[in-house]
Amino acid sequence: MFWVFYQVLWFYFYCNLIKIMKNSKKTFETLWNYCTSNNRLCLKLKNWYVLFKLLGNTDNLSGHGNNGEPADPVIIDHNWYEIIPLEKQLQFKSYIKWAEKNDQLELVGEYVRSLSEEEWEHFGS
Protein backbone atom coordinates (compact mmCIF):
# COMPACT_ATOMS: atom_id res chain seq x y z
CA MET A 1 0.00 0.00 0.00
CA PHE A 2 2.77 2.42 0.92
CA TRP A 3 4.58 1.62 -2.33
CA VAL A 4 1.50 2.60 -4.40
CA PHE A 5 1.17 5.84 -2.47
CA TYR A 6 4.87 6.55 -3.05
CA GLN A 7 4.53 5.90 -6.81
CA VAL A 8 1.48 8.15 -7.08
CA LEU A 9 3.24 10.88 -5.14
CA TRP A 10 6.36 10.57 -7.29
CA PHE A 11 4.29 10.65 -10.50
CA TYR A 12 2.44 13.75 -9.29
CA PHE A 13 5.72 15.47 -8.44
CA TYR A 14 7.27 14.48 -11.78
CA CYS A 15 4.27 15.74 -13.79
CA ASN A 16 4.32 19.07 -11.96
CA LEU A 17 8.07 19.40 -12.50
CA ILE A 18 7.62 18.83 -16.24
CA LYS A 19 4.79 21.37 -16.24
CA ILE A 20 6.98 23.95 -14.46
CA MET A 21 9.84 23.35 -16.89
CA LYS A 22 7.53 23.75 -19.88
CA ASN A 23 6.08 26.96 -18.43
CA SER A 24 9.57 28.34 -17.85
CA LYS A 25 10.54 27.61 -21.45
CA LYS A 26 7.30 29.08 -22.68
CA THR A 27 7.85 32.17 -20.58
CA PHE A 28 11.36 32.67 -21.97
CA GLU A 29 10.17 32.09 -25.52
CA THR A 30 7.23 34.44 -25.03
CA LEU A 31 9.48 37.19 -23.66
CA TRP A 32 12.12 36.65 -26.33
CA ASN A 33 9.46 36.78 -29.06
CA TYR A 34 8.32 40.10 -27.65
CA CYS A 35 11.90 41.41 -27.51
CA THR A 36 12.49 40.55 -31.16
CA SER A 37 9.11 41.59 -32.54
CA ASN A 38 8.74 44.78 -34.60
CA ASN A 39 12.27 44.29 -35.94
CA ARG A 40 13.73 44.97 -32.47
CA LEU A 41 17.44 44.36 -32.10
CA CYS A 42 18.11 45.18 -28.43
CA LEU A 43 17.59 47.91 -25.88
CA LYS A 44 19.03 51.36 -26.38
CA LEU A 45 22.29 51.64 -24.52
CA LYS A 46 21.00 53.62 -21.52
CA ASN A 47 18.45 50.88 -20.82
CA TRP A 48 21.16 48.19 -20.64
CA TYR A 49 22.37 49.78 -17.41
CA VAL A 50 18.90 49.60 -15.87
CA LEU A 51 18.41 46.02 -17.01
CA PHE A 52 21.79 44.96 -15.60
CA LYS A 53 20.90 46.52 -12.23
CA LEU A 54 17.67 44.49 -12.20
CA LEU A 55 19.54 41.21 -12.70
CA GLY A 56 20.50 39.22 -9.64
CA ASN A 57 23.72 37.36 -8.94
CA THR A 58 25.89 39.65 -11.05
CA ASP A 59 28.44 40.62 -8.38
CA ASN A 60 30.93 37.86 -9.21
CA LEU A 61 30.69 37.94 -13.00
CA SER A 62 33.75 38.47 -15.17
CA GLY A 63 32.05 41.42 -16.89
CA HIS A 64 33.03 40.26 -20.37
CA GLY A 65 29.97 38.17 -21.09
CA ASN A 66 31.76 34.82 -21.11
CA ASN A 67 30.01 31.47 -20.80
CA GLY A 68 26.47 32.81 -21.09
CA GLU A 69 27.00 35.54 -18.52
CA PRO A 70 25.61 38.97 -19.28
CA ALA A 71 28.36 41.43 -20.18
CA ASP A 72 28.79 44.49 -17.99
CA PRO A 73 27.04 47.42 -19.72
CA VAL A 74 30.20 49.52 -19.28
CA ILE A 75 32.00 47.15 -21.65
CA ILE A 76 29.09 47.21 -24.08
CA ASP A 77 29.01 51.01 -23.86
CA HIS A 78 32.75 51.30 -24.50
CA ASN A 79 32.49 49.13 -27.63
CA TRP A 80 28.98 50.09 -28.78
CA TYR A 81 29.95 51.33 -32.25
CA GLU A 82 32.31 48.42 -32.91
CA ILE A 83 29.82 45.69 -31.95
CA ILE A 84 27.92 44.29 -34.91
CA PRO A 85 24.12 44.16 -34.58
CA LEU A 86 23.94 40.38 -34.25
CA GLU A 87 26.43 40.44 -31.35
CA LYS A 88 24.37 43.14 -29.62
CA GLN A 89 21.31 40.93 -29.91
CA LEU A 90 23.20 37.89 -28.62
CA GLN A 91 24.43 39.89 -25.64
CA PHE A 92 20.90 41.10 -24.99
CA LYS A 93 19.65 37.51 -25.20
CA SER A 94 22.23 36.52 -22.58
CA TYR A 95 20.62 39.08 -20.24
CA ILE A 96 17.22 37.47 -20.76
CA LYS A 97 18.69 33.98 -20.32
CA TRP A 98 20.40 35.12 -17.11
CA ALA A 99 17.06 36.41 -15.85
CA GLU A 100 15.52 33.02 -16.62
CA LYS A 101 18.35 31.20 -14.83
CA ASN A 102 17.87 33.42 -11.76
CA ASP A 103 14.05 33.31 -11.71
CA GLN A 104 13.69 36.95 -12.73
CA LEU A 105 11.86 36.64 -16.05
CA GLU A 106 8.74 38.26 -14.68
CA LEU A 107 10.64 41.28 -13.38
CA VAL A 108 12.70 41.66 -16.56
CA GLY A 109 9.60 41.10 -18.68
CA GLU A 110 7.77 43.89 -16.89
CA TYR A 111 10.69 46.23 -17.46
CA VAL A 112 11.20 45.57 -21.17
CA ARG A 113 7.47 45.67 -21.85
CA SER A 114 7.28 49.07 -20.15
CA LEU A 115 9.70 50.60 -22.66
CA SER A 116 8.41 52.61 -25.58
CA GLU A 117 9.36 51.60 -29.11
CA GLU A 118 11.77 54.56 -29.24
CA GLU A 119 13.77 53.01 -26.38
CA TRP A 120 14.72 50.03 -28.55
CA GLU A 121 17.36 49.64 -31.23
CA HIS A 122 15.98 48.18 -34.44
CA PHE A 123 17.58 46.28 -37.28
CA GLY A 124 18.37 48.60 -40.15
CA SER A 125 18.35 51.82 -38.14
C-alpha atoms as a PDB file:
ATOM      1  CA  MET A   1       0.000   0.000   0.000  1.00  0.00           C
ATOM      2  CA  PHE A   2       2.765   2.416   0.923  1.00  0.00           C
ATOM      3  CA  TRP A   3       4.581   1.620  -2.334  1.00  0.00           C
ATOM      4  CA  VAL A   4       1.504   2.596  -4.398  1.00  0.00           C
ATOM      5  CA  PHE A   5       1.171   5.839  -2.469  1.00  0.00           C
ATOM      6  CA  TYR A   6       4.865   6.549  -3.047  1.00  0.00           C
ATOM      7  CA  GLN A   7       4.531   5.899  -6.808  1.00  0.00           C
ATOM      8  CA  VAL A   8       1.479   8.149  -7.083  1.00  0.00           C
ATOM      9  CA  LEU A   9       3.241  10.882  -5.139  1.00  0.00           C
ATOM     10  CA  TRP A  10       6.361  10.569  -7.289  1.00  0.00           C
ATOM     11  CA  PHE A  11       4.286  10.650 -10.500  1.00  0.00           C
ATOM     12  CA  TYR A  12       2.435  13.753  -9.294  1.00  0.00           C
ATOM     13  CA  PHE A  13       5.723  15.470  -8.443  1.00  0.00           C
ATOM     14  CA  TYR A  14       7.274  14.481 -11.783  1.00  0.00           C
ATOM     15  CA  CYS A  15       4.275  15.744 -13.792  1.00  0.00           C
ATOM     16  CA  ASN A  16       4.322  19.070 -11.964  1.00  0.00           C
ATOM     17  CA  LEU A  17       8.069  19.399 -12.496  1.00  0.00           C
ATOM     18  CA  ILE A  18       7.624  18.833 -16.237  1.00  0.00           C
ATOM     19  CA  LYS A  19       4.785  21.374 -16.241  1.00  0.00           C
ATOM     20  CA  ILE A  20       6.982  23.955 -14.463  1.00  0.00           C
ATOM     21  CA  MET A  21       9.841  23.347 -16.885  1.00  0.00           C
ATOM     22  CA  LYS A  22       7.528  23.748 -19.877  1.00  0.00           C
ATOM     23  CA  ASN A  23       6.079  26.957 -18.431  1.00  0.00           C
ATOM     24  CA  SER A  24       9.574  28.336 -17.853  1.00  0.00           C
ATOM     25  CA  LYS A  25      10.544  27.611 -21.445  1.00  0.00           C
ATOM     26  CA  LYS A  26       7.297  29.078 -22.684  1.00  0.00           C
ATOM     27  CA  THR A  27       7.850  32.170 -20.576  1.00  0.00           C
ATOM     28  CA  PHE A  28      11.361  32.672 -21.966  1.00  0.00           C
ATOM     29  CA  GLU A  29      10.169  32.085 -25.515  1.00  0.00           C
ATOM     30  CA  THR A  30       7.231  34.442 -25.028  1.00  0.00           C
ATOM     31  CA  LEU A  31       9.476  37.187 -23.657  1.00  0.00           C
ATOM     32  CA  TRP A  32      12.122  36.655 -26.334  1.00  0.00           C
ATOM     33  CA  ASN A  33       9.462  36.778 -29.057  1.00  0.00           C
ATOM     34  CA  TYR A  34       8.316  40.104 -27.646  1.00  0.00           C
ATOM     35  CA  CYS A  35      11.903  41.409 -27.511  1.00  0.00           C
ATOM     36  CA  THR A  36      12.495  40.550 -31.163  1.00  0.00           C
ATOM     37  CA  SER A  37       9.112  41.588 -32.540  1.00  0.00           C
ATOM     38  CA  ASN A  38       8.741  44.775 -34.603  1.00  0.00           C
ATOM     39  CA  ASN A  39      12.272  44.286 -35.939  1.00  0.00           C
ATOM     40  CA  ARG A  40      13.728  44.974 -32.466  1.00  0.00           C
ATOM     41  CA  LEU A  41      17.440  44.364 -32.097  1.00  0.00           C
ATOM     42  CA  CYS A  42      18.108  45.181 -28.433  1.00  0.00           C
ATOM     43  CA  LEU A  43      17.591  47.908 -25.879  1.00  0.00           C
ATOM     44  CA  LYS A  44      19.030  51.361 -26.379  1.00  0.00           C
ATOM     45  CA  LEU A  45      22.289  51.645 -24.517  1.00  0.00           C
ATOM     46  CA  LYS A  46      20.998  53.625 -21.516  1.00  0.00           C
ATOM     47  CA  ASN A  47      18.445  50.880 -20.824  1.00  0.00           C
ATOM     48  CA  TRP A  48      21.157  48.186 -20.642  1.00  0.00           C
ATOM     49  CA  TYR A  49      22.370  49.779 -17.414  1.00  0.00           C
ATOM     50  CA  VAL A  50      18.903  49.603 -15.865  1.00  0.00           C
ATOM     51  CA  LEU A  51      18.414  46.018 -17.008  1.00  0.00           C
ATOM     52  CA  PHE A  52      21.789  44.963 -15.604  1.00  0.00           C
ATOM     53  CA  LYS A  53      20.899  46.516 -12.231  1.00  0.00           C
ATOM     54  CA  LEU A  54      17.670  44.486 -12.196  1.00  0.00           C
ATOM     55  CA  LEU A  55      19.537  41.210 -12.697  1.00  0.00           C
ATOM     56  CA  GLY A  56      20.500  39.221  -9.635  1.00  0.00           C
ATOM     57  CA  ASN A  57      23.720  37.355  -8.937  1.00  0.00           C
ATOM     58  CA  THR A  58      25.889  39.653 -11.047  1.00  0.00           C
ATOM     59  CA  ASP A  59      28.436  40.620  -8.384  1.00  0.00           C
ATOM     60  CA  ASN A  60      30.927  37.865  -9.208  1.00  0.00           C
ATOM     61  CA  LEU A  61      30.691  37.940 -13.000  1.00  0.00           C
ATOM     62  CA  SER A  62      33.746  38.472 -15.171  1.00  0.00           C
ATOM     63  CA  GLY A  63      32.047  41.418 -16.890  1.00  0.00           C
ATOM     64  CA  HIS A  64      33.029  40.262 -20.368  1.00  0.00           C
ATOM     65  CA  GLY A  65      29.966  38.166 -21.086  1.00  0.00           C
ATOM     66  CA  ASN A  66      31.764  34.821 -21.112  1.00  0.00           C
ATOM     67  CA  ASN A  67      30.007  31.469 -20.804  1.00  0.00           C
ATOM     68  CA  GLY A  68      26.470  32.810 -21.095  1.00  0.00           C
ATOM     69  CA  GLU A  69      27.002  35.539 -18.515  1.00  0.00           C
ATOM     70  CA  PRO A  70      25.611  38.975 -19.281  1.00  0.00           C
ATOM     71  CA  ALA A  71      28.362  41.427 -20.176  1.00  0.00           C
ATOM     72  CA  ASP A  72      28.786  44.487 -17.990  1.00  0.00           C
ATOM     73  CA  PRO A  73      27.035  47.418 -19.717  1.00  0.00           C
ATOM     74  CA  VAL A  74      30.197  49.523 -19.284  1.00  0.00           C
ATOM     75  CA  ILE A  75      31.998  47.154 -21.655  1.00  0.00           C
ATOM     76  CA  ILE A  76      29.088  47.211 -24.082  1.00  0.00           C
ATOM     77  CA  ASP A  77      29.014  51.012 -23.859  1.00  0.00           C
ATOM     78  CA  HIS A  78      32.746  51.303 -24.504  1.00  0.00           C
ATOM     79  CA  ASN A  79      32.489  49.134 -27.631  1.00  0.00           C
ATOM     80  CA  TRP A  80      28.983  50.087 -28.779  1.00  0.00           C
ATOM     81  CA  TYR A  81      29.946  51.333 -32.247  1.00  0.00           C
ATOM     82  CA  GLU A  82      32.309  48.415 -32.911  1.00  0.00           C
ATOM     83  CA  ILE A  83      29.825  45.694 -31.948  1.00  0.00           C
ATOM     84  CA  ILE A  84      27.922  44.286 -34.908  1.00  0.00           C
ATOM     85  CA  PRO A  85      24.119  44.162 -34.576  1.00  0.00           C
ATOM     86  CA  LEU A  86      23.941  40.382 -34.253  1.00  0.00           C
ATOM     87  CA  GLU A  87      26.425  40.437 -31.354  1.00  0.00           C
ATOM     88  CA  LYS A  88      24.369  43.139 -29.615  1.00  0.00           C
ATOM     89  CA  GLN A  89      21.311  40.932 -29.907  1.00  0.00           C
ATOM     90  CA  LEU A  90      23.195  37.892 -28.619  1.00  0.00           C
ATOM     91  CA  GLN A  91      24.433  39.894 -25.639  1.00  0.00           C
ATOM     92  CA  PHE A  92      20.900  41.101 -24.985  1.00  0.00           C
ATOM     93  CA  LYS A  93      19.653  37.513 -25.200  1.00  0.00           C
ATOM     94  CA  SER A  94      22.232  36.520 -22.582  1.00  0.00           C
ATOM     95  CA  TYR A  95      20.623  39.080 -20.238  1.00  0.00           C
ATOM     96  CA  ILE A  96      17.220  37.470 -20.758  1.00  0.00           C
ATOM     97  CA  LYS A  97      18.688  33.976 -20.320  1.00  0.00           C
ATOM     98  CA  TRP A  98      20.401  35.118 -17.107  1.00  0.00           C
ATOM     99  CA  ALA A  99      17.061  36.408 -15.850  1.00  0.00           C
ATOM    100  CA  GLU A 100      15.524  33.018 -16.623  1.00  0.00           C
ATOM    101  CA  LYS A 101      18.347  31.203 -14.831  1.00  0.00           C
ATOM    102  CA  ASN A 102      17.870  33.416 -11.756  1.00  0.00           C
ATOM    103  CA  ASP A 103      14.049  33.311 -11.708  1.00  0.00           C
ATOM    104  CA  GLN A 104      13.693  36.951 -12.733  1.00  0.00           C
ATOM    105  CA  LEU A 105      11.864  36.637 -16.054  1.00  0.00           C
ATOM    106  CA  GLU A 106       8.737  38.257 -14.681  1.00  0.00           C
ATOM    107  CA  LEU A 107      10.642  41.282 -13.378  1.00  0.00           C
ATOM    108  CA  VAL A 108      12.705  41.660 -16.557  1.00  0.00           C
ATOM    109  CA  GLY A 109       9.601  41.102 -18.681  1.00  0.00           C
ATOM    110  CA  GLU A 110       7.766  43.887 -16.892  1.00  0.00           C
ATOM    111  CA  TYR A 111      10.693  46.226 -17.460  1.00  0.00           C
ATOM    112  CA  VAL A 112      11.204  45.565 -21.168  1.00  0.00           C
ATOM    113  CA  ARG A 113       7.472  45.671 -21.852  1.00  0.00           C
ATOM    114  CA  SER A 114       7.283  49.072 -20.149  1.00  0.00           C
ATOM    115  CA  LEU A 115       9.700  50.601 -22.657  1.00  0.00           C
ATOM    116  CA  SER A 116       8.406  52.612 -25.585  1.00  0.00           C
ATOM    117  CA  GLU A 117       9.360  51.600 -29.113  1.00  0.00           C
ATOM    118  CA  GLU A 118      11.774  54.556 -29.235  1.00  0.00           C
ATOM    119  CA  GLU A 119      13.766  53.007 -26.380  1.00  0.00           C
ATOM    120  CA  TRP A 120      14.722  50.025 -28.552  1.00  0.00           C
ATOM    121  CA  GLU A 121      17.364  49.638 -31.227  1.00  0.00           C
ATOM    122  CA  HIS A 122      15.981  48.184 -34.440  1.00  0.00           C
ATOM    123  CA  PHE A 123      17.578  46.280 -37.283  1.00  0.00           C
ATOM    124  CA  GLY A 124      18.373  48.599 -40.151  1.00  0.00           C
ATOM    125  CA  SER A 125      18.352  51.824 -38.143  1.00  0.00           C
END
